[in-house]
Amino acid sequence: MNKQQCPVCGEQNNCGLEESKLKDCWCFHISGIPQTLLELIPQENRGKSCVCESCIRKYKK
């Protein structure tokens, strides 16, 4: 899995840090990511890439 793929769905995560080497990303400004969503990330992929905004929105519903 590369850092630009969501570890949950495998689609692009649009990580601002990886794409443009900025010091900021959309994910720094989102709150309330469900713990149950984070638990879906395979252990070997945790902390290696961002969950995409689409997955976060789906699991918040």
C-alpha atoms as a PDB file:
ATOM      1  CA  MET A   1       0.000   0.000   0.000  1.00  0.00           C
ATOM      2  CA  ASN A   2       1.372   3.411  -0.877  1.00  0.00           C
ATOM      3  CA  LYS A   3       0.885   6.515   1.259  1.00  0.00           C
ATOM      4  CA  GLN A   4      -1.575   8.023  -1.221  1.00  0.00           C
ATOM      5  CA  GLN A   5      -4.050   5.137  -0.832  1.00  0.00           C
ATOM      6  CA  CYS A   6      -6.689   4.922   1.849  1.00  0.00           C
ATOM      7  CA  PRO A   7      -5.905   1.856   3.995  1.00  0.00           C
ATOM      8  CA  VAL A   8      -9.645   1.128   4.326  1.00  0.00           C
ATOM      9  CA  CYS A   9     -10.969   1.357   0.738  1.00  0.00           C
ATOM     10  CA  GLY A  10      -7.769   1.498  -1.332  1.00  0.00           C
ATOM     11  CA  GLU A  11      -8.800   4.668  -3.198  1.00  0.00           C
ATOM     12  CA  GLN A  12      -6.795   7.906  -3.322  1.00  0.00           C
ATOM     13  CA  ASN A  13      -6.746   9.657   0.060  1.00  0.00           C
ATOM     14  CA  ASN A  14      -5.741  13.087  -1.356  1.00  0.00           C
ATOM     15  CA  CYS A  15      -3.133  13.561   1.348  1.00  0.00           C
ATOM     16  CA  GLY A  16      -1.793  17.103   1.076  1.00  0.00           C
ATOM     17  CA  LEU A  17       1.443  16.113   2.749  1.00  0.00           C
ATOM     18  CA  GLU A  18       2.220  13.414   0.218  1.00  0.00           C
ATOM     19  CA  GLU A  19       0.885  15.124  -2.894  1.00  0.00           C
ATOM     20  CA  SER A  20       2.500  18.519  -2.577  1.00  0.00           C
ATOM     21  CA  LYS A  21       4.836  18.219   0.389  1.00  0.00           C
ATOM     22  CA  LEU A  22       2.854  20.884   2.219  1.00  0.00           C
ATOM     23  CA  LYS A  23       2.877  21.144   5.969  1.00  0.00           C
ATOM     24  CA  ASP A  24      -0.906  20.955   6.112  1.00  0.00           C
ATOM     25  CA  CYS A  25      -3.656  18.595   4.937  1.00  0.00           C
ATOM     26  CA  TRP A  26      -7.457  18.430   5.042  1.00  0.00           C
ATOM     27  CA  CYS A  27      -7.156  15.647   7.622  1.00  0.00           C
ATOM     28  CA  PHE A  28      -5.565  18.020  10.159  1.00  0.00           C
ATOM     29  CA  HIS A  29      -8.864  19.929  10.289  1.00  0.00           C
ATOM     30  CA  ILE A  30     -11.358  17.098  10.636  1.00  0.00           C
ATOM     31  CA  SER A  31     -12.492  15.880  14.020  1.00  0.00           C
ATOM     32  CA  GLY A  32     -14.423  12.967  15.358  1.00  0.00           C
ATOM     33  CA  ILE A  33     -12.950  10.172  13.245  1.00  0.00           C
ATOM     34  CA  PRO A  34     -14.820   7.099  14.501  1.00  0.00           C
ATOM     35  CA  GLN A  35     -12.606   4.662  16.396  1.00  0.00           C
ATOM     36  CA  THR A  36     -14.467   1.793  14.712  1.00  0.00           C
ATOM     37  CA  LEU A  37     -13.249   3.113  11.346  1.00  0.00           C
ATOM     38  CA  LEU A  38      -9.647   3.280  12.544  1.00  0.00           C
ATOM     39  CA  GLU A  39      -9.941  -0.294  13.789  1.00  0.00           C
ATOM     40  CA  LEU A  40     -10.700  -1.401  10.206  1.00  0.00           C
ATOM     41  CA  ILE A  41      -7.164  -0.476   9.153  1.00  0.00           C
ATOM     42  CA  PRO A  42      -5.047  -3.636   8.971  1.00  0.00           C
ATOM     43  CA  GLN A  43      -2.407  -3.617  11.725  1.00  0.00           C
ATOM     44  CA  GLU A  44       0.458  -3.599   9.215  1.00  0.00           C
ATOM     45  CA  ASN A  45      -0.916  -0.417   7.568  1.00  0.00           C
ATOM     46  CA  ARG A  46      -1.662   1.628  10.688  1.00  0.00           C
ATOM     47  CA  GLY A  47       0.149   4.935  10.851  1.00  0.00           C
ATOM     48  CA  LYS A  48       1.403   4.637   7.279  1.00  0.00           C
ATOM     49  CA  SER A  49      -1.314   6.391   5.256  1.00  0.00           C
ATOM     50  CA  CYS A  50      -4.405   8.543   5.780  1.00  0.00           C
ATOM     51  CA  VAL A  51      -7.962   7.277   5.692  1.00  0.00           C
ATOM     52  CA  CYS A  52      -9.770   9.143   2.891  1.00  0.00           C
ATOM     53  CA  GLU A  53     -12.392  11.800   3.502  1.00  0.00           C
ATOM     54  CA  SER A  54     -15.034   9.656   1.798  1.00  0.00           C
ATOM     55  CA  CYS A  55     -14.553   6.793   4.263  1.00  0.00           C
ATOM     56  CA  ILE A  56     -14.650   9.184   7.199  1.00  0.00           C
ATOM     57  CA  ARG A  57     -17.929  10.705   5.974  1.00  0.00           C
ATOM     58  CA  LYS A  58     -19.481   7.261   5.396  1.00  0.00           C
ATOM     59  CA  TYR A  59     -18.568   5.987   8.849  1.00  0.00           C
ATOM     60  CA  LYS A  60     -19.723   9.145  10.605  1.00  0.00           C
ATOM     61  CA  LYS A  61     -23.294   8.520   9.359  1.00  0.00           C
END
